[in-house]
PDB file of N, CA and C in Angstrom:
ATOM      1  N   MET A   1      54.675 -60.706 -80.219  1.00  0.00           N
ATOM      2  CA  MET A   1      54.267 -59.906 -80.754  1.00  0.00           C
ATOM      3  C   MET A   1      53.084 -61.319 -80.733  1.00  0.00           C
ATOM      4  N   LYS A   2      52.564 -62.824 -80.646  1.00  0.00           N
ATOM      5  CA  LYS A   2      51.687 -62.922 -79.702  1.00  0.00           C
ATOM      6  C   LYS A   2      51.058 -62.302 -78.428  1.00  0.00           C
ATOM      7  N   LYS A   3      52.365 -62.338 -78.073  1.00  0.00           N
ATOM      8  CA  LYS A   3      51.715 -61.564 -76.283  1.00  0.00           C
ATOM      9  C   LYS A   3      51.582 -60.738 -76.203  1.00  0.00           C
ATOM     10  N   GLY A   4      52.301 -59.428 -77.072  1.00  0.00           N
ATOM     11  CA  GLY A   4      51.919 -58.045 -77.119  1.00  0.00           C
ATOM     12  C   GLY A   4      50.574 -58.171 -77.977  1.00  0.00           C
ATOM     13  N   PHE A   5      49.696 -59.013 -78.958  1.00  0.00           N
ATOM     14  CA  PHE A   5      48.149 -58.704 -79.285  1.00  0.00           C
ATOM     15  C   PHE A   5      47.771 -59.342 -77.746  1.00  0.00           C
ATOM     16  N   TYR A   6      47.892 -60.067 -77.288  1.00  0.00           N
ATOM     17  CA  TYR A   6      47.150 -60.333 -75.985  1.00  0.00           C
ATOM     18  C   TYR A   6      47.444 -59.752 -74.798  1.00  0.00           C
ATOM     19  N   ASN A   7      48.235 -59.036 -74.441  1.00  0.00           N
ATOM     20  CA  ASN A   7      48.825 -57.517 -73.853  1.00  0.00           C
ATOM     21  C   ASN A   7      47.290 -56.734 -73.988  1.00  0.00           C
ATOM     22  N   ILE A   8      47.290 -56.235 -75.023  1.00  0.00           N
ATOM     23  CA  ILE A   8      46.395 -55.403 -75.873  1.00  0.00           C
ATOM     24  C   ILE A   8      44.787 -55.950 -75.152  1.00  0.00           C
ATOM     25  N   LEU A   9      44.663 -56.683 -75.654  1.00  0.00           N
ATOM     26  CA  LEU A   9      43.438 -57.019 -75.324  1.00  0.00           C
ATOM     27  C   LEU A   9      42.677 -57.857 -73.697  1.00  0.00           C
ATOM     28  N   ARG A  10      43.713 -58.243 -73.030  1.00  0.00           N
ATOM     29  CA  ARG A  10      43.629 -57.570 -71.805  1.00  0.00           C
ATOM     30  C   ARG A  10      43.711 -56.411 -71.093  1.00  0.00           C
ATOM     31  N   ALA A  11      44.178 -55.751 -71.790  1.00  0.00           N
ATOM     32  CA  ALA A  11      43.372 -54.465 -71.063  1.00  0.00           C
ATOM     33  C   ALA A  11      45.067 -54.163 -70.635  1.00  0.00           C
ATOM     34  N   ASN A  12      46.085 -54.814 -70.934  1.00  0.00           N
ATOM     35  CA  ASN A  12      47.249 -54.415 -69.628  1.00  0.00           C
ATOM     36  C   ASN A  12      47.841 -53.436 -69.441  1.00  0.00           C
ATOM     37  N   PHE A  13      47.666 -52.997 -70.626  1.00  0.00           N
ATOM     38  CA  PHE A  13      48.390 -50.852 -70.688  1.00  0.00           C
ATOM     39  C   PHE A  13      47.449 -50.249 -69.270  1.00  0.00           C
ATOM     40  N   LEU A  14      45.926 -50.496 -69.128  1.00  0.00           N
ATOM     41  CA  LEU A  14      44.888 -50.060 -68.633  1.00  0.00           C
ATOM     42  C   LEU A  14      45.732 -50.082 -67.222  1.00  0.00           C
ATOM     43  N   ILE A  15      46.249 -51.524 -66.829  1.00  0.00           N
ATOM     44  CA  ILE A  15      46.319 -52.384 -65.085  1.00  0.00           C
ATOM     45  C   ILE A  15      48.144 -51.913 -65.066  1.00  0.00           C
ATOM     46  N   SER A  16      48.505 -51.303 -65.644  1.00  0.00           N
ATOM     47  CA  SER A  16      50.513 -52.120 -65.204  1.00  0.00           C
ATOM     48  C   SER A  16      50.848 -50.806 -63.778  1.00  0.00           C
ATOM     49  N   ARG A  17      52.101 -51.283 -63.850  1.00  0.00           N
ATOM     50  CA  ARG A  17      52.243 -49.644 -62.611  1.00  0.00           C
ATOM     51  C   ARG A  17      51.894 -48.428 -63.462  1.00  0.00           C
ATOM     52  N   ASP A  18      52.751 -48.306 -64.108  1.00  0.00           N
ATOM     53  CA  ASP A  18      52.861 -46.907 -64.796  1.00  0.00           C
ATOM     54  C   ASP A  18      51.424 -46.526 -66.128  1.00  0.00           C
ATOM     55  N   ALA A  19      49.848 -47.293 -65.574  1.00  0.00           N
ATOM     56  CA  ALA A  19      48.601 -46.786 -66.238  1.00  0.00           C
ATOM     57  C   ALA A  19      48.371 -45.330 -66.113  1.00  0.00           C
ATOM     58  N   LYS A  20      48.926 -44.816 -64.834  1.00  0.00           N
ATOM     59  CA  LYS A  20      48.479 -43.162 -64.778  1.00  0.00           C
ATOM     60  C   LYS A  20      48.507 -42.364 -66.045  1.00  0.00           C
ATOM     61  N   ASN A  21      49.269 -42.834 -66.983  1.00  0.00           N
ATOM     62  CA  ASN A  21      49.708 -41.694 -68.013  1.00  0.00           C
ATOM     63  C   ASN A  21      48.778 -42.249 -68.865  1.00  0.00           C
ATOM     64  N   ASN A  22      48.915 -43.400 -69.372  1.00  0.00           N
ATOM     65  CA  ASN A  22      47.093 -43.872 -70.054  1.00  0.00           C
ATOM     66  C   ASN A  22      46.364 -43.260 -69.949  1.00  0.00           C
ATOM     67  N   TRP A  23      45.470 -43.679 -68.631  1.00  0.00           N
ATOM     68  CA  TRP A  23      44.056 -43.472 -68.191  1.00  0.00           C
ATOM     69  C   TRP A  23      43.884 -41.541 -68.221  1.00  0.00           C
ATOM     70  N   TRP A  24      44.867 -40.774 -68.170  1.00  0.00           N
ATOM     71  CA  TRP A  24      44.871 -39.313 -68.358  1.00  0.00           C
ATOM     72  C   TRP A  24      44.796 -38.976 -69.977  1.00  0.00           C
ATOM     73  N   PHE A  25      45.624 -39.565 -70.596  1.00  0.00           N
ATOM     74  CA  PHE A  25      45.826 -39.573 -71.730  1.00  0.00           C
ATOM     75  C   PHE A  25      44.560 -39.833 -72.964  1.00  0.00           C
ATOM     76  N   ILE A  26      43.965 -41.089 -72.157  1.00  0.00           N
ATOM     77  CA  ILE A  26      42.180 -41.319 -72.817  1.00  0.00           C
ATOM     78  C   ILE A  26      40.927 -40.466 -71.876  1.00  0.00           C
ATOM     79  N   VAL A  27      41.277 -40.124 -71.048  1.00  0.00           N
ATOM     80  CA  VAL A  27      40.516 -38.813 -70.312  1.00  0.00           C
ATOM     81  C   VAL A  27      40.419 -38.605 -72.068  1.00  0.00           C
ATOM     82  N   PHE A  28      41.463 -37.805 -71.795  1.00  0.00           N
ATOM     83  CA  PHE A  28      42.526 -36.161 -72.907  1.00  0.00           C
ATOM     84  C   PHE A  28      42.077 -36.667 -73.835  1.00  0.00           C
ATOM     85  N   CYS A  29      41.296 -37.376 -74.175  1.00  0.00           N
ATOM     86  CA  CYS A  29      41.045 -38.303 -76.277  1.00  0.00           C
ATOM     87  C   CYS A  29      39.337 -38.088 -75.945  1.00  0.00           C
ATOM     88  N   THR A  30      39.183 -38.160 -74.651  1.00  0.00           N
ATOM     89  CA  THR A  30      37.873 -38.026 -74.394  1.00  0.00           C
ATOM     90  C   THR A  30      37.184 -37.330 -74.870  1.00  0.00           C
ATOM     91  N   GLY A  31      37.232 -36.574 -73.537  1.00  0.00           N
ATOM     92  CA  GLY A  31      37.291 -34.637 -73.847  1.00  0.00           C
ATOM     93  C   GLY A  31      37.465 -34.070 -75.080  1.00  0.00           C
ATOM     94  N   LEU A  32      38.364 -34.173 -75.908  1.00  0.00           N
ATOM     95  CA  LEU A  32      38.893 -33.668 -77.169  1.00  0.00           C
ATOM     96  C   LEU A  32      37.526 -34.187 -78.042  1.00  0.00           C
ATOM     97  N   ALA A  33      37.230 -35.479 -78.293  1.00  0.00           N
ATOM     98  CA  ALA A  33      35.874 -35.738 -79.039  1.00  0.00           C
ATOM     99  C   ALA A  33      34.375 -35.221 -77.822  1.00  0.00           C
ATOM    100  N   ILE A  34      34.334 -35.180 -77.433  1.00  0.00           N
ATOM    101  CA  ILE A  34      33.154 -34.302 -76.403  1.00  0.00           C
ATOM    102  C   ILE A  34      33.421 -32.523 -77.075  1.00  0.00           C
ATOM    103  N   ILE A  35      34.613 -32.647 -76.921  1.00  0.00           N
ATOM    104  CA  ILE A  35      34.210 -30.220 -78.276  1.00  0.00           C
ATOM    105  C   ILE A  35      33.614 -31.651 -78.828  1.00  0.00           C
ATOM    106  N   MET A  36      34.482 -31.624 -79.641  1.00  0.00           N
ATOM    107  CA  MET A  36      34.356 -31.734 -81.156  1.00  0.00           C
ATOM    108  C   MET A  36      33.036 -31.569 -81.670  1.00  0.00           C
ATOM    109  N   ILE A  37      32.155 -32.984 -81.038  1.00  0.00           N
ATOM    110  CA  ILE A  37      30.877 -33.269 -81.235  1.00  0.00           C
ATOM    111  C   ILE A  37      30.165 -31.974 -80.792  1.00  0.00           C
ATOM    112  N   ALA A  38      30.545 -31.296 -80.136  1.00  0.00           N
ATOM    113  CA  ALA A  38      29.705 -29.921 -79.177  1.00  0.00           C
ATOM    114  C   ALA A  38      29.744 -29.249 -80.371  1.00  0.00           C
ATOM    115  N   SER A  39      30.859 -29.342 -81.031  1.00  0.00           N
ATOM    116  CA  SER A  39      31.402 -27.782 -82.048  1.00  0.00           C
ATOM    117  C   SER A  39      30.921 -28.330 -83.040  1.00  0.00           C
ATOM    118  N   SER A  40      30.938 -29.452 -83.692  1.00  0.00           N
ATOM    119  CA  SER A  40      29.257 -29.567 -85.253  1.00  0.00           C
ATOM    120  C   SER A  40      28.223 -29.647 -84.488  1.00  0.00           C
ATOM    121  N   HIS A  41      27.841 -29.427 -83.372  1.00  0.00           N
ATOM    122  CA  HIS A  41      26.201 -29.274 -83.028  1.00  0.00           C
ATOM    123  C   HIS A  41      25.669 -28.258 -83.194  1.00  0.00           C
ATOM    124  N   SER A  42      26.825 -27.166 -82.904  1.00  0.00           N
ATOM    125  CA  SER A  42      26.801 -26.767 -82.378  1.00  0.00           C
ATOM    126  C   SER A  42      26.800 -25.788 -84.153  1.00  0.00           C
ATOM    127  N   ALA A  43      27.767 -25.736 -84.758  1.00  0.00           N
ATOM    128  CA  ALA A  43      27.949 -25.323 -85.903  1.00  0.00           C
ATOM    129  C   ALA A  43      26.369 -25.914 -87.002  1.00  0.00           C
ATOM    130  N   GLU A  44      25.985 -26.867 -86.512  1.00  0.00           N
ATOM    131  CA  GLU A  44      25.291 -27.110 -87.438  1.00  0.00           C
ATOM    132  C   GLU A  44      24.336 -26.491 -87.439  1.00  0.00           C
ATOM    133  N   ARG A  45      23.218 -26.411 -85.608  1.00  0.00           N
ATOM    134  CA  ARG A  45      22.338 -25.357 -85.682  1.00  0.00           C
ATOM    135  C   ARG A  45      22.344 -24.554 -86.142  1.00  0.00           C
ATOM    136  N   LYS A  46      23.996 -23.489 -86.334  1.00  0.00           N
ATOM    137  CA  LYS A  46      23.752 -22.146 -86.822  1.00  0.00           C
ATOM    138  C   LYS A  46      23.429 -23.370 -88.456  1.00  0.00           C
ATOM    139  N   VAL A  47      24.135 -23.706 -88.551  1.00  0.00           N
ATOM    140  CA  VAL A  47      22.970 -23.927 -90.448  1.00  0.00           C
ATOM    141  C   VAL A  47      22.013 -23.755 -90.738  1.00  0.00           C
ATOM    142  N   HIS A  48      21.597 -24.743 -90.351  1.00  0.00           N
ATOM    143  CA  HIS A  48      19.479 -24.303 -89.950  1.00  0.00           C
ATOM    144  C   HIS A  48      19.498 -23.236 -89.903  1.00  0.00           C
ATOM    145  N   LYS A  49      19.934 -22.570 -88.541  1.00  0.00           N
ATOM    146  CA  LYS A  49      19.059 -20.916 -88.362  1.00  0.00           C
ATOM    147  C   LYS A  49      18.883 -20.312 -89.853  1.00  0.00           C
ATOM    148  N   ILE A  50      20.601 -20.636 -90.377  1.00  0.00           N
ATOM    149  CA  ILE A  50      20.910 -19.480 -91.288  1.00  0.00           C
ATOM    150  C   ILE A  50      19.824 -19.948 -93.021  1.00  0.00           C
ATOM    151  N   ALA A  51      19.531 -20.889 -93.131  1.00  0.00           N
ATOM    152  CA  ALA A  51      18.895 -22.218 -94.084  1.00  0.00           C
ATOM    153  C   ALA A  51      17.445 -21.416 -94.204  1.00  0.00           C
ATOM    154  N   LYS A  52      16.801 -21.102 -92.645  1.00  0.00           N
ATOM    155  CA  LYS A  52      15.743 -20.247 -91.777  1.00  0.00           C
ATOM    156  C   LYS A  52      15.476 -19.072 -92.401  1.00  0.00           C
ATOM    157  N   LEU A  53      16.239 -18.677 -91.652  1.00  0.00           N
ATOM    158  CA  LEU A  53      15.963 -17.111 -92.414  1.00  0.00           C
ATOM    159  C   LEU A  53      16.717 -16.327 -94.128  1.00  0.00           C
ATOM    160  N   HIS A  54      16.780 -17.407 -94.294  1.00  0.00           N
ATOM    161  CA  HIS A  54      17.206 -16.902 -96.383  1.00  0.00           C
ATOM    162  C   HIS A  54      15.444 -18.231 -96.533  1.00  0.00           C
ATOM    163  N   LYS A  55      15.194 -18.419 -96.564  1.00  0.00           N
ATOM    164  CA  LYS A  55      13.811 -18.585 -96.970  1.00  0.00           C
ATOM    165  C   LYS A  55      12.848 -18.296 -96.948  1.00  0.00           C
ATOM    166  N   GLU A  56      12.912 -17.222 -95.167  1.00  0.00           N
ATOM    167  CA  GLU A  56      11.512 -16.318 -94.268  1.00  0.00           C
ATOM    168  C   GLU A  56      12.190 -15.148 -95.833  1.00  0.00           C
ATOM    169  N   VAL A  57      13.698 -15.101 -95.593  1.00  0.00           N
ATOM    170  CA  VAL A  57      14.107 -13.130 -96.423  1.00  0.00           C
ATOM    171  C   VAL A  57      12.955 -13.474 -98.499  1.00  0.00           C
ATOM    172  N   ARG A  58      13.210 -14.998 -98.661  1.00  0.00           N
ATOM    173  CA  ARG A  58      13.118 -14.478-100.129  1.00  0.00           C
ATOM    174  C   ARG A  58      11.335 -14.777-100.400  1.00  0.00           C
ATOM    175  N   GLU A  59      10.614 -15.137 -99.255  1.00  0.00           N
ATOM    176  CA  GLU A  59       8.788 -15.012 -98.666  1.00  0.00           C
ATOM    177  C   GLU A  59       8.572 -14.415 -98.612  1.00  0.00           C
ATOM    178  N   LEU A  60       9.206 -12.560 -98.126  1.00  0.00           N
ATOM    179  CA  LEU A  60       9.726 -11.710 -97.241  1.00  0.00           C
ATOM    180  C   LEU A  60       9.221 -11.091 -98.674  1.00  0.00           C
ATOM    181  N   LYS A  61      10.608 -10.480 -99.249  1.00  0.00           N
ATOM    182  CA  LYS A  61      10.838 -10.744-100.695  1.00  0.00           C
ATOM    183  C   LYS A  61       9.982 -10.342-101.627  1.00  0.00           C
ATOM    184  N   SER A  62       9.356 -11.761-101.821  1.00  0.00           N
ATOM    185  CA  SER A  62       8.240 -12.692-102.853  1.00  0.00           C
ATOM    186  C   SER A  62       6.461 -11.990-101.997  1.00  0.00           C
ATOM    187  N   GLU A  63       6.646 -11.192-100.684  1.00  0.00           N
ATOM    188  CA  GLU A  63       5.239 -10.841-100.494  1.00  0.00           C
ATOM    189  C   GLU A  63       5.526  -9.031-101.028  1.00  0.00           C
ATOM    190  N   PHE A  64       6.953  -8.743-101.176  1.00  0.00           N
ATOM    191  CA  PHE A  64       7.181  -6.829-100.799  1.00  0.00           C
ATOM    192  C   PHE A  64       6.986  -6.556-102.860  1.00  0.00           C
ATOM    193  N   VAL A  65       7.092  -7.886-103.635  1.00  0.00           N
ATOM    194  CA  VAL A  65       7.053  -7.525-104.772  1.00  0.00           C
ATOM    195  C   VAL A  65       6.080  -7.641-105.288  1.00  0.00           C
ATOM    196  N   ASP A  66       4.689  -9.052-104.620  1.00  0.00           N
ATOM    197  CA  ASP A  66       2.861  -8.374-105.087  1.00  0.00           C
ATOM    198  C   ASP A  66       2.863  -7.236-104.651  1.00  0.00           C
ATOM    199  N   ARG A  67       3.097  -7.186-103.268  1.00  0.00           N
ATOM    200  CA  ARG A  67       2.288  -5.792-103.004  1.00  0.00           C
ATOM    201  C   ARG A  67       3.150  -4.295-103.558  1.00  0.00           C
ATOM    202  N   ARG A  68       3.610  -4.449-103.877  1.00  0.00           N
ATOM    203  CA  ARG A  68       3.992  -3.682-104.644  1.00  0.00           C
ATOM    204  C   ARG A  68       3.153  -3.695-105.978  1.00  0.00           C
ATOM    205  N   SER A  69       3.592  -4.236-106.569  1.00  0.00           N
ATOM    206  CA  SER A  69       2.407  -4.046-107.739  1.00  0.00           C
ATOM    207  C   SER A  69       1.514  -4.295-107.579  1.00  0.00           C
ATOM    208  N   ALA A  70       0.077  -4.620-106.762  1.00  0.00           N
ATOM    209  CA  ALA A  70      -0.853  -4.596-106.343  1.00  0.00           C
ATOM    210  C   ALA A  70      -0.931  -2.767-106.078  1.00  0.00           C
ATOM    211  N   LEU A  71      -0.219  -2.345-105.190  1.00  0.00           N
ATOM    212  CA  LEU A  71       0.365  -0.969-105.381  1.00  0.00           C
ATOM    213  C   LEU A  71      -0.108  -0.170-106.743  1.00  0.00           C
ATOM    214  N   MET A  72       0.468  -0.478-107.552  1.00  0.00           N
ATOM    215  CA  MET A  72       1.408   0.599-108.780  1.00  0.00           C
ATOM    216  C   MET A  72      -0.540   0.253-109.213  1.00  0.00           C
ATOM    217  N   ARG A  73      -1.183  -1.349-109.194  1.00  0.00           N
ATOM    218  CA  ARG A  73      -2.330  -1.204-109.781  1.00  0.00           C
ATOM    219  C   ARG A  73      -3.241   0.213-109.426  1.00  0.00           C
ATOM    220  N   VAL A  74      -3.946  -0.349-108.104  1.00  0.00           N
ATOM    221  CA  VAL A  74      -4.361   0.396-107.406  1.00  0.00           C
ATOM    222  C   VAL A  74      -4.194   2.337-107.703  1.00  0.00           C
ATOM    223  N   LYS A  75      -2.754   2.234-107.762  1.00  0.00           N
ATOM    224  CA  LYS A  75      -2.675   4.432-108.298  1.00  0.00           C
ATOM    225  C   LYS A  75      -2.269   4.699-109.974  1.00  0.00           C
ATOM    226  N   MET A  76      -3.270   3.363-110.742  1.00  0.00           N
ATOM    227  CA  MET A  76      -3.300   4.345-112.425  1.00  0.00           C
ATOM    228  C   MET A  76      -3.911   5.189-111.552  1.00  0.00           C
ATOM    229  N   GLU A  77      -4.235   5.428-112.855  1.00  0.00           N
ATOM    230  CA  GLU A  77      -4.648   6.761-113.240  1.00  0.00           C
ATOM    231  C   GLU A  77      -6.576   5.777-114.172  1.00  0.00           C
ATOM    232  N   SER A  78      -6.430   5.252-114.057  1.00  0.00           N
ATOM    233  CA  SER A  78      -7.729   4.639-115.246  1.00  0.00           C
ATOM    234  C   SER A  78      -9.051   3.584-113.909  1.00  0.00           C
ATOM    235  N   THR A  79      -7.486   3.108-113.325  1.00  0.00           N
ATOM    236  CA  THR A  79      -8.051   2.419-111.166  1.00  0.00           C
ATOM    237  C   THR A  79      -9.373   3.442-110.678  1.00  0.00           C
ATOM    238  N   ILE A  80      -8.574   4.218-110.702  1.00  0.00           N
ATOM    239  CA  ILE A  80      -8.518   5.362-109.948  1.00  0.00           C
ATOM    240  C   ILE A  80      -9.965   6.352-110.971  1.00  0.00           C
ATOM    241  N   THR A  81     -10.130   6.591-111.652  1.00  0.00           N
ATOM    242  CA  THR A  81     -10.355   6.975-112.609  1.00  0.00           C
ATOM    243  C   THR A  81     -12.519   5.887-112.629  1.00  0.00           C
ATOM    244  N   GLN A  82     -12.115   4.617-112.954  1.00  0.00           N
ATOM    245  CA  GLN A  82     -13.229   3.506-112.289  1.00  0.00           C
ATOM    246  C   GLN A  82     -13.784   3.514-111.293  1.00  0.00           C
ATOM    247  N   LYS A  83     -12.858   4.028-109.979  1.00  0.00           N
ATOM    248  CA  LYS A  83     -13.536   3.786-107.909  1.00  0.00           C
ATOM    249  C   LYS A  83     -14.700   4.891-108.131  1.00  0.00           C
ATOM    250  N   MET A  84     -13.982   6.086-108.914  1.00  0.00           N
ATOM    251  CA  MET A  84     -14.585   7.252-108.515  1.00  0.00           C
ATOM    252  C   MET A  84     -16.087   7.142-110.078  1.00  0.00           C
ATOM    253  N   LYS A  85     -16.165   6.965-110.482  1.00  0.00           N
ATOM    254  CA  LYS A  85     -16.924   6.383-111.769  1.00  0.00           C
ATOM    255  C   LYS A  85     -18.303   5.620-110.403  1.00  0.00           C
ATOM    256  N   GLU A  86     -17.497   5.074-109.888  1.00  0.00           N
ATOM    257  CA  GLU A  86     -18.541   4.273-109.013  1.00  0.00           C
ATOM    258  C   GLU A  86     -19.362   5.589-107.938  1.00  0.00           C
ATOM    259  N   ARG A  87     -18.400   6.568-107.826  1.00  0.00           N
ATOM    260  CA  ARG A  87     -19.231   7.115-106.847  1.00  0.00           C
ATOM    261  C   ARG A  87     -19.571   7.803-107.066  1.00  0.00           C
ATOM    262  N   GLY A  88     -19.449   8.377-108.527  1.00  0.00           N
ATOM    263  CA  GLY A  88     -20.691   9.304-108.972  1.00  0.00           C
ATOM    264  C   GLY A  88     -19.303  10.724-109.570  1.00  0.00           C
ATOM    265  N   VAL A  89     -18.378  10.223-109.390  1.00  0.00           N
ATOM    266  CA  VAL A  89     -17.485  11.801-109.453  1.00  0.00           C
ATOM    267  C   VAL A  89     -16.574  11.348-110.644  1.00  0.00           C
ATOM    268  N   LEU A  90     -17.134  12.378-111.628  1.00  0.00           N
ATOM    269  CA  LEU A  90     -16.335  12.171-113.155  1.00  0.00           C
ATOM    270  C   LEU A  90     -14.666  13.138-113.343  1.00  0.00           C
ATOM    271  N   PRO A  91     -14.150  12.534-114.268  1.00  0.00           N
ATOM    272  CA  PRO A  91     -13.152  13.684-114.228  1.00  0.00           C
ATOM    273  C   PRO A  91     -12.929  14.583-115.139  1.00  0.00           C
ATOM    274  N   SER A  92     -12.854  15.482-114.860  1.00  0.00           N
ATOM    275  CA  SER A  92     -12.896  17.135-115.406  1.00  0.00           C
ATOM    276  C   SER A  92     -12.443  16.574-116.815  1.00  0.00           C
ATOM    277  N   GLU A  93     -13.938  18.058-118.029  1.00  0.00           N
ATOM    278  CA  GLU A  93     -12.950  17.751-118.991  1.00  0.00           C
ATOM    279  C   GLU A  93     -12.154  19.065-119.651  1.00  0.00           C
ATOM    280  N   ASN A  94     -11.830  20.226-119.024  1.00  0.00           N
ATOM    281  CA  ASN A  94     -11.316  21.192-118.976  1.00  0.00           C
ATOM    282  C   ASN A  94      -9.723  20.827-117.997  1.00  0.00           C
ATOM    283  N   PRO A  95      -8.427  20.703-119.382  1.00  0.00           N
ATOM    284  CA  PRO A  95      -7.756  21.107-118.410  1.00  0.00           C
ATOM    285  C   PRO A  95      -6.926  21.715-117.003  1.00  0.00           C
ATOM    286  N   PRO A  96      -6.806  21.824-116.142  1.00  0.00           N
ATOM    287  CA  PRO A  96      -6.273  22.588-115.193  1.00  0.00           C
ATOM    288  C   PRO A  96      -5.445  23.502-115.555  1.00  0.00           C
ATOM    289  N   TYR A  97      -5.552  24.707-115.498  1.00  0.00           N
ATOM    290  CA  TYR A  97      -4.233  25.782-115.372  1.00  0.00           C
ATOM    291  C   TYR A  97      -3.486  27.056-115.216  1.00  0.00           C
ATOM    292  N   LYS A  98      -2.878  27.184-114.992  1.00  0.00           N
ATOM    293  CA  LYS A  98      -1.830  27.802-113.592  1.00  0.00           C
ATOM    294  C   LYS A  98      -2.485  29.449-113.600  1.00  0.00           C
ATOM    295  N   ILE A  99      -2.622  29.283-111.948  1.00  0.00           N
ATOM    296  CA  ILE A  99      -2.560  30.453-111.777  1.00  0.00           C
ATOM    297  C   ILE A  99      -1.198  31.413-111.555  1.00  0.00           C
ATOM    298  N   LYS A 100      -1.045  32.619-112.065  1.00  0.00           N
ATOM    299  CA  LYS A 100      -0.060  33.734-111.177  1.00  0.00           C
ATOM    300  C   LYS A 100      -0.187  34.103-110.222  1.00  0.00           C
ATOM    301  N   VAL A 101       0.421  35.034-109.542  1.00  0.00           N
ATOM    302  CA  VAL A 101       0.722  35.889-108.706  1.00  0.00           C
ATOM    303  C   VAL A 101       0.764  36.725-108.972  1.00  0.00           C
ATOM    304  N   LYS A 102       0.991  37.878-109.558  1.00  0.00           N
ATOM    305  CA  LYS A 102       1.713  39.118-108.956  1.00  0.00           C
ATOM    306  C   LYS A 102       1.769  40.398-108.342  1.00  0.00           C
ATOM    307  N   ILE A 103       2.717  40.500-107.665  1.00  0.00           N
ATOM    308  CA  ILE A 103       2.968  41.199-106.607  1.00  0.00           C
ATOM    309  C   ILE A 103       3.555  42.580-106.426  1.00  0.00           C
ATOM    310  N   LYS A 104       2.746  42.978-106.524  1.00  0.00           N
ATOM    311  CA  LYS A 104       2.788  44.569-106.571  1.00  0.00           C
ATOM    312  C   LYS A 104       4.035  45.351-105.321  1.00  0.00           C
ATOM    313  N   GLU A 105       4.623  45.968-105.992  1.00  0.00           N
ATOM    314  CA  GLU A 105       6.220  46.354-104.747  1.00  0.00           C
ATOM    315  C   GLU A 105       5.622  48.040-104.141  1.00  0.00           C
TER     316      GLU A 105
END
């Protein structure tokens, strides 16, 4: 037990005759670790981009609602009547009537 522990501390498994297999395994594990780290960084970037886009969508939706309510206020008859009074145009006192055209055959 004591001898095995000292062999591990001295890294005899890396310098012994069959160490080639151990080195290949270490290189393989290192490569897998690098791929895993790169994958997690890529996933984090995507998560941050999605969060940023969601925030932008919420801002655009609120801006749309604000603009739509402003448009509805501008389109109201009372607002149009008030703006036209400033220009000197008053609303008609007589209601509109329909003109019917009869075609003779």
